[in-house]
Amino acid sequence: MAQLDRFRVIGGTQLRGEVSVSGAKNSVLKLMAASLLAVGKTTIKNVPDIADVEIMADLLTRLGCTVTHTGDLLTIDVPQEPLHRADYDLVRKMRASINVLGPLVARVGAADVALPGGDAIGSRGLDFHIKA
C-alpha cells in the first residue's frame, strides 16, 4: 500500500469506514521509558514487533521491571524502587535508551546512563535530555 501524505475529500458524501494506524517505534519507545514514572503495570497496545522494542524491554528488565510482550500488546510492571543504572551494553545499541534518564531521576533521584549509540545518520544532540 502506498504511503499518503494527506487525504483530500471532494464532494458532499458522508465518509464511512475504518482506518488502522500501525504502532510507531519512536512513540512506543518513549512510552516504555515513561512507564518508569509509575509503580505497577502499564499496558501499551499496538506495539510493533521490532528489535528496538526488545532492546528497550531488556533495558527495563535490567532496571528491575517485568516486561511481557505478546503479539502487539506490551505490559511493563515497574517495582516500587527500580534500579538506576542502565547497562552500557544495551544503551550503546539504541539511541532511544537516553529516554530512561528523566523518568529515573524523577522516580529514584539518580540515573547512571551512558551516552547512547544507535544509528549514524548525523548529529542529533542530547543536550535537552541532560539539561532537563
N, C-alpha and C. Protein backbone atom coordinates (compact mmCIF):
# COMPACT_ATOMS: atom_id res chain seq x y z
N MET A 1 0.84 -1.17 0.00
CA MET A 1 0.00 0.00 0.00
C MET A 1 0.89 1.24 0.00
N ALA A 2 0.56 2.21 -0.83
CA ALA A 2 1.35 3.42 -0.93
C ALA A 2 1.15 4.31 0.29
N GLN A 3 2.20 5.01 0.68
CA GLN A 3 2.13 5.92 1.80
C GLN A 3 1.52 7.24 1.32
N LEU A 4 0.59 7.78 2.11
CA LEU A 4 -0.06 9.02 1.75
C LEU A 4 0.39 10.14 2.67
N ASP A 5 0.57 11.32 2.08
CA ASP A 5 0.90 12.49 2.89
C ASP A 5 -0.35 13.14 3.45
N ARG A 6 -1.47 12.98 2.76
CA ARG A 6 -2.72 13.59 3.19
C ARG A 6 -3.88 12.94 2.46
N PHE A 7 -5.08 13.19 2.98
CA PHE A 7 -6.31 12.78 2.32
C PHE A 7 -6.98 14.03 1.78
N ARG A 8 -7.49 13.96 0.57
CA ARG A 8 -8.26 15.07 0.01
C ARG A 8 -9.65 14.55 -0.29
N VAL A 9 -10.65 15.17 0.31
CA VAL A 9 -12.02 14.72 0.14
C VAL A 9 -12.78 15.79 -0.63
N ILE A 10 -13.38 15.38 -1.74
CA ILE A 10 -14.17 16.29 -2.57
C ILE A 10 -15.57 15.71 -2.68
N GLY A 11 -16.57 16.54 -2.46
CA GLY A 11 -17.94 16.07 -2.63
C GLY A 11 -18.73 16.18 -1.36
N GLY A 12 -19.99 15.91 -1.44
CA GLY A 12 -20.88 16.06 -0.30
C GLY A 12 -21.30 14.77 0.33
N THR A 13 -20.61 13.67 0.05
CA THR A 13 -20.97 12.37 0.60
C THR A 13 -20.32 12.16 1.95
N GLN A 14 -21.08 11.61 2.89
CA GLN A 14 -20.57 11.33 4.23
C GLN A 14 -19.51 10.22 4.16
N LEU A 15 -18.44 10.41 4.91
CA LEU A 15 -17.37 9.39 4.96
C LEU A 15 -17.76 8.31 5.95
N ARG A 16 -17.44 7.06 5.60
CA ARG A 16 -17.67 5.92 6.48
C ARG A 16 -16.50 4.95 6.33
N GLY A 17 -16.23 4.24 7.40
CA GLY A 17 -15.18 3.23 7.33
C GLY A 17 -14.24 3.31 8.52
N GLU A 18 -13.19 2.56 8.43
CA GLU A 18 -12.20 2.50 9.49
C GLU A 18 -10.81 2.64 8.90
N VAL A 19 -9.93 3.21 9.69
CA VAL A 19 -8.53 3.32 9.31
C VAL A 19 -7.72 2.73 10.45
N SER A 20 -6.88 1.77 10.16
CA SER A 20 -6.00 1.19 11.17
C SER A 20 -4.66 1.90 11.11
N VAL A 21 -4.22 2.37 12.26
CA VAL A 21 -2.93 3.06 12.33
C VAL A 21 -1.95 2.13 13.03
N SER A 22 -0.85 1.84 12.38
CA SER A 22 0.13 0.94 12.98
C SER A 22 0.91 1.66 14.06
N GLY A 23 1.46 0.89 14.99
CA GLY A 23 2.25 1.46 16.07
C GLY A 23 3.52 2.08 15.54
N ALA A 24 3.98 3.13 16.18
CA ALA A 24 5.18 3.84 15.75
C ALA A 24 6.32 3.58 16.73
N LYS A 25 7.47 3.22 16.19
CA LYS A 25 8.64 2.92 17.01
C LYS A 25 9.00 4.07 17.95
N ASN A 26 9.07 5.27 17.42
CA ASN A 26 9.51 6.40 18.24
C ASN A 26 8.54 6.71 19.37
N SER A 27 7.27 6.45 19.18
CA SER A 27 6.28 6.67 20.24
C SER A 27 6.37 5.58 21.30
N VAL A 28 6.42 4.33 20.87
CA VAL A 28 6.38 3.23 21.83
C VAL A 28 7.62 3.22 22.72
N LEU A 29 8.77 3.57 22.18
CA LEU A 29 9.99 3.58 22.99
C LEU A 29 9.91 4.65 24.08
N LYS A 30 9.35 5.79 23.77
CA LYS A 30 9.17 6.85 24.78
C LYS A 30 8.13 6.44 25.81
N LEU A 31 7.05 5.79 25.37
CA LEU A 31 6.04 5.31 26.30
C LEU A 31 6.61 4.26 27.24
N MET A 32 7.45 3.38 26.71
CA MET A 32 8.07 2.35 27.54
C MET A 32 8.94 3.00 28.61
N ALA A 33 9.73 4.00 28.23
CA ALA A 33 10.58 4.70 29.22
C ALA A 33 9.71 5.44 30.24
N ALA A 34 8.64 6.05 29.78
CA ALA A 34 7.75 6.80 30.68
C ALA A 34 7.07 5.90 31.70
N SER A 35 6.96 4.61 31.40
CA SER A 35 6.33 3.69 32.35
C SER A 35 7.08 3.66 33.68
N LEU A 36 8.35 4.04 33.68
CA LEU A 36 9.15 4.07 34.90
C LEU A 36 8.62 5.08 35.91
N LEU A 37 7.79 5.99 35.48
CA LEU A 37 7.27 7.03 36.37
C LEU A 37 6.24 6.53 37.36
N ALA A 38 5.63 5.38 37.10
CA ALA A 38 4.54 4.90 37.95
C ALA A 38 4.81 3.47 38.42
N VAL A 39 4.57 3.22 39.69
CA VAL A 39 4.67 1.86 40.23
C VAL A 39 3.51 1.05 39.67
N GLY A 40 3.79 -0.21 39.33
CA GLY A 40 2.73 -1.10 38.87
C GLY A 40 2.75 -1.30 37.37
N LYS A 41 1.61 -1.77 36.85
CA LYS A 41 1.54 -2.20 35.45
C LYS A 41 1.11 -1.08 34.52
N THR A 42 1.82 -1.01 33.41
CA THR A 42 1.47 -0.15 32.29
C THR A 42 1.29 -1.06 31.09
N THR A 43 0.19 -0.89 30.37
CA THR A 43 -0.06 -1.69 29.18
C THR A 43 -0.07 -0.78 27.96
N ILE A 44 0.68 -1.17 26.95
CA ILE A 44 0.76 -0.41 25.71
C ILE A 44 0.26 -1.32 24.59
N LYS A 45 -0.67 -0.81 23.80
CA LYS A 45 -1.27 -1.59 22.71
C LYS A 45 -0.67 -1.17 21.37
N ASN A 46 -0.82 -2.03 20.39
CA ASN A 46 -0.41 -1.76 19.01
C ASN A 46 1.10 -1.53 18.91
N VAL A 47 1.85 -2.36 19.62
CA VAL A 47 3.31 -2.25 19.67
C VAL A 47 3.91 -3.00 18.48
N PRO A 48 4.78 -2.32 17.71
CA PRO A 48 5.41 -3.01 16.58
C PRO A 48 6.40 -4.07 17.06
N ASP A 49 6.54 -5.13 16.29
CA ASP A 49 7.46 -6.22 16.61
C ASP A 49 8.80 -5.93 15.95
N ILE A 50 9.61 -5.12 16.64
CA ILE A 50 10.91 -4.70 16.10
C ILE A 50 11.99 -4.86 17.16
N ALA A 51 13.23 -4.89 16.69
CA ALA A 51 14.36 -5.11 17.60
C ALA A 51 14.49 -4.03 18.66
N ASP A 52 14.23 -2.77 18.32
CA ASP A 52 14.37 -1.69 19.30
C ASP A 52 13.43 -1.86 20.49
N VAL A 53 12.24 -2.39 20.25
CA VAL A 53 11.29 -2.64 21.34
C VAL A 53 11.87 -3.71 22.27
N GLU A 54 12.48 -4.73 21.70
CA GLU A 54 13.07 -5.79 22.51
C GLU A 54 14.28 -5.28 23.30
N ILE A 55 15.07 -4.39 22.70
CA ILE A 55 16.22 -3.82 23.42
C ILE A 55 15.73 -2.98 24.59
N MET A 56 14.70 -2.16 24.36
CA MET A 56 14.16 -1.34 25.45
C MET A 56 13.55 -2.23 26.53
N ALA A 57 12.90 -3.32 26.13
CA ALA A 57 12.34 -4.26 27.10
C ALA A 57 13.46 -4.87 27.94
N ASP A 58 14.57 -5.23 27.32
CA ASP A 58 15.72 -5.76 28.06
C ASP A 58 16.28 -4.72 29.03
N LEU A 59 16.36 -3.48 28.59
CA LEU A 59 16.85 -2.41 29.45
C LEU A 59 15.94 -2.23 30.66
N LEU A 60 14.63 -2.20 30.44
CA LEU A 60 13.69 -2.06 31.55
C LEU A 60 13.76 -3.26 32.50
N THR A 61 13.96 -4.45 31.94
CA THR A 61 14.09 -5.65 32.77
C THR A 61 15.31 -5.54 33.68
N ARG A 62 16.41 -5.06 33.14
CA ARG A 62 17.61 -4.89 33.95
C ARG A 62 17.47 -3.80 35.00
N LEU A 63 16.50 -2.90 34.79
CA LEU A 63 16.22 -1.87 35.78
C LEU A 63 15.26 -2.37 36.85
N GLY A 64 14.86 -3.65 36.73
CA GLY A 64 14.02 -4.26 37.75
C GLY A 64 12.57 -4.46 37.36
N CYS A 65 12.21 -4.06 36.16
CA CYS A 65 10.82 -4.21 35.69
C CYS A 65 10.59 -5.61 35.15
N THR A 66 9.33 -6.00 35.08
CA THR A 66 8.94 -7.23 34.41
C THR A 66 8.22 -6.82 33.13
N VAL A 67 8.71 -7.29 32.00
CA VAL A 67 8.15 -6.90 30.71
C VAL A 67 7.62 -8.14 30.00
N THR A 68 6.37 -8.05 29.54
CA THR A 68 5.74 -9.13 28.78
C THR A 68 5.28 -8.57 27.45
N HIS A 69 5.72 -9.21 26.36
CA HIS A 69 5.35 -8.76 25.01
C HIS A 69 4.68 -9.92 24.30
N THR A 70 3.36 -9.82 24.12
CA THR A 70 2.58 -10.86 23.47
C THR A 70 1.82 -10.25 22.31
N GLY A 71 2.16 -10.67 21.10
CA GLY A 71 1.51 -10.07 19.93
C GLY A 71 1.84 -8.60 19.86
N ASP A 72 0.79 -7.76 19.79
CA ASP A 72 1.03 -6.31 19.74
C ASP A 72 0.76 -5.64 21.09
N LEU A 73 0.71 -6.44 22.15
CA LEU A 73 0.43 -5.95 23.50
C LEU A 73 1.69 -6.06 24.36
N LEU A 74 2.05 -4.97 25.02
CA LEU A 74 3.24 -4.93 25.87
C LEU A 74 2.82 -4.50 27.27
N THR A 75 3.21 -5.27 28.27
CA THR A 75 2.91 -4.93 29.66
C THR A 75 4.22 -4.78 30.42
N ILE A 76 4.33 -3.66 31.13
CA ILE A 76 5.52 -3.37 31.93
C ILE A 76 5.07 -3.22 33.37
N ASP A 77 5.66 -4.02 34.25
CA ASP A 77 5.36 -3.95 35.68
C ASP A 77 6.58 -3.34 36.37
N VAL A 78 6.41 -2.13 36.87
CA VAL A 78 7.50 -1.37 37.46
C VAL A 78 7.50 -1.57 38.98
N PRO A 79 8.66 -1.92 39.56
CA PRO A 79 8.71 -2.12 41.02
C PRO A 79 8.67 -0.80 41.78
N GLN A 80 8.49 -0.91 43.08
CA GLN A 80 8.47 0.28 43.95
C GLN A 80 9.75 1.09 43.81
N GLU A 81 10.89 0.41 43.73
CA GLU A 81 12.17 1.09 43.61
C GLU A 81 12.99 0.49 42.48
N PRO A 82 12.82 1.01 41.25
CA PRO A 82 13.62 0.49 40.14
C PRO A 82 15.10 0.82 40.34
N LEU A 83 15.94 0.06 39.70
CA LEU A 83 17.38 0.34 39.73
C LEU A 83 17.63 1.60 38.90
N HIS A 84 18.81 2.20 39.04
CA HIS A 84 19.06 3.45 38.32
C HIS A 84 20.23 3.38 37.34
N ARG A 85 20.82 2.21 37.19
CA ARG A 85 21.97 2.08 36.30
C ARG A 85 21.57 1.33 35.02
N ALA A 86 21.65 2.04 33.90
CA ALA A 86 21.33 1.44 32.60
C ALA A 86 22.61 0.85 32.01
N ASP A 87 22.61 -0.46 31.81
CA ASP A 87 23.81 -1.16 31.34
C ASP A 87 24.24 -0.66 29.95
N TYR A 88 25.52 -0.34 29.84
CA TYR A 88 26.05 0.23 28.59
C TYR A 88 25.90 -0.73 27.42
N ASP A 89 25.99 -2.04 27.66
CA ASP A 89 25.90 -2.98 26.54
C ASP A 89 24.55 -2.86 25.82
N LEU A 90 23.51 -2.40 26.51
CA LEU A 90 22.22 -2.15 25.86
C LEU A 90 22.10 -0.71 25.38
N VAL A 91 22.56 0.24 26.18
CA VAL A 91 22.44 1.65 25.84
C VAL A 91 23.16 1.95 24.53
N ARG A 92 24.30 1.32 24.31
CA ARG A 92 25.08 1.60 23.10
C ARG A 92 24.37 1.12 21.83
N LYS A 93 23.41 0.21 21.97
CA LYS A 93 22.72 -0.36 20.81
C LYS A 93 21.59 0.53 20.28
N MET A 94 21.13 1.46 21.13
CA MET A 94 19.93 2.18 20.72
C MET A 94 19.91 3.60 21.28
N ARG A 95 19.78 4.55 20.42
CA ARG A 95 19.76 5.96 20.79
C ARG A 95 18.61 6.29 21.75
N ALA A 96 17.45 5.65 21.57
CA ALA A 96 16.27 5.95 22.39
C ALA A 96 16.44 5.55 23.84
N SER A 97 17.51 4.84 24.17
CA SER A 97 17.72 4.45 25.56
C SER A 97 17.94 5.65 26.47
N ILE A 98 18.33 6.80 25.92
CA ILE A 98 18.50 8.01 26.72
C ILE A 98 17.17 8.43 27.35
N ASN A 99 16.05 7.97 26.80
CA ASN A 99 14.74 8.35 27.31
C ASN A 99 14.45 7.82 28.71
N VAL A 100 15.25 6.91 29.24
CA VAL A 100 15.04 6.45 30.62
C VAL A 100 15.66 7.41 31.63
N LEU A 101 16.50 8.32 31.16
CA LEU A 101 17.21 9.24 32.05
C LEU A 101 16.24 10.08 32.90
N GLY A 102 15.34 10.79 32.29
CA GLY A 102 14.40 11.65 33.01
C GLY A 102 13.51 10.90 33.98
N PRO A 103 12.84 9.83 33.52
CA PRO A 103 11.99 9.08 34.45
C PRO A 103 12.75 8.50 35.64
N LEU A 104 13.98 8.05 35.44
CA LEU A 104 14.75 7.51 36.56
C LEU A 104 15.09 8.59 37.58
N VAL A 105 15.49 9.75 37.11
CA VAL A 105 15.80 10.85 38.03
C VAL A 105 14.53 11.25 38.77
N ALA A 106 13.41 11.31 38.07
CA ALA A 106 12.15 11.68 38.72
C ALA A 106 11.72 10.67 39.78
N ARG A 107 11.91 9.39 39.51
CA ARG A 107 11.45 8.34 40.43
C ARG A 107 12.41 8.07 41.56
N VAL A 108 13.70 7.90 41.25
CA VAL A 108 14.65 7.47 42.28
C VAL A 108 15.70 8.51 42.63
N GLY A 109 15.66 9.66 41.96
CA GLY A 109 16.58 10.74 42.28
C GLY A 109 17.96 10.60 41.71
N ALA A 110 18.18 9.56 40.91
CA ALA A 110 19.50 9.34 40.31
C ALA A 110 19.35 8.51 39.04
N ALA A 111 20.31 8.68 38.15
CA ALA A 111 20.35 7.86 36.94
C ALA A 111 21.79 7.76 36.48
N ASP A 112 22.18 6.59 36.09
CA ASP A 112 23.51 6.36 35.54
C ASP A 112 23.29 5.77 34.15
N VAL A 113 23.29 6.65 33.16
CA VAL A 113 23.01 6.25 31.78
C VAL A 113 24.12 6.80 30.90
N ALA A 114 24.83 5.92 30.22
CA ALA A 114 25.90 6.35 29.31
C ALA A 114 25.29 7.04 28.09
N LEU A 115 26.10 7.83 27.40
CA LEU A 115 25.64 8.40 26.15
C LEU A 115 25.33 7.24 25.20
N PRO A 116 24.19 7.29 24.55
CA PRO A 116 23.77 6.14 23.74
C PRO A 116 24.46 6.06 22.41
N GLY A 117 24.35 4.87 21.84
CA GLY A 117 24.84 4.63 20.49
C GLY A 117 23.68 4.79 19.53
N GLY A 118 23.51 3.80 18.67
CA GLY A 118 22.41 3.86 17.71
C GLY A 118 22.94 4.11 16.32
N ASP A 119 22.04 4.53 15.45
CA ASP A 119 22.39 4.72 14.05
C ASP A 119 23.26 5.96 13.86
N ALA A 120 23.95 6.00 12.74
CA ALA A 120 24.84 7.12 12.43
C ALA A 120 24.24 7.92 11.28
N ILE A 121 23.19 8.68 11.56
CA ILE A 121 22.54 9.43 10.49
C ILE A 121 22.77 10.93 10.64
N GLY A 122 23.78 11.30 11.37
CA GLY A 122 24.09 12.71 11.52
C GLY A 122 23.98 13.15 12.96
N SER A 123 24.26 14.40 13.16
CA SER A 123 24.29 14.96 14.50
C SER A 123 22.87 15.19 15.02
N ARG A 124 22.58 14.57 16.15
CA ARG A 124 21.29 14.79 16.83
C ARG A 124 21.64 14.93 18.30
N GLY A 125 21.56 16.15 18.79
CA GLY A 125 22.01 16.44 20.14
C GLY A 125 21.18 15.79 21.23
N LEU A 126 21.83 15.59 22.37
CA LEU A 126 21.17 15.02 23.55
C LEU A 126 21.12 16.05 24.68
N ASP A 127 21.52 17.29 24.38
CA ASP A 127 21.60 18.32 25.42
C ASP A 127 20.30 18.50 26.18
N PHE A 128 19.16 18.46 25.49
CA PHE A 128 17.90 18.71 26.17
C PHE A 128 17.59 17.62 27.20
N HIS A 129 18.04 16.39 26.97
CA HIS A 129 17.87 15.33 27.98
C HIS A 129 18.75 15.61 29.19
N ILE A 130 19.98 15.97 28.94
CA ILE A 130 20.94 16.19 30.01
C ILE A 130 20.57 17.43 30.82
N LYS A 131 20.18 18.51 30.14
CA LYS A 131 19.80 19.74 30.83
C LYS A 131 18.54 19.56 31.66
N ALA A 132 17.61 18.76 31.17
CA ALA A 132 16.37 18.53 31.92
C ALA A 132 16.68 17.84 33.22
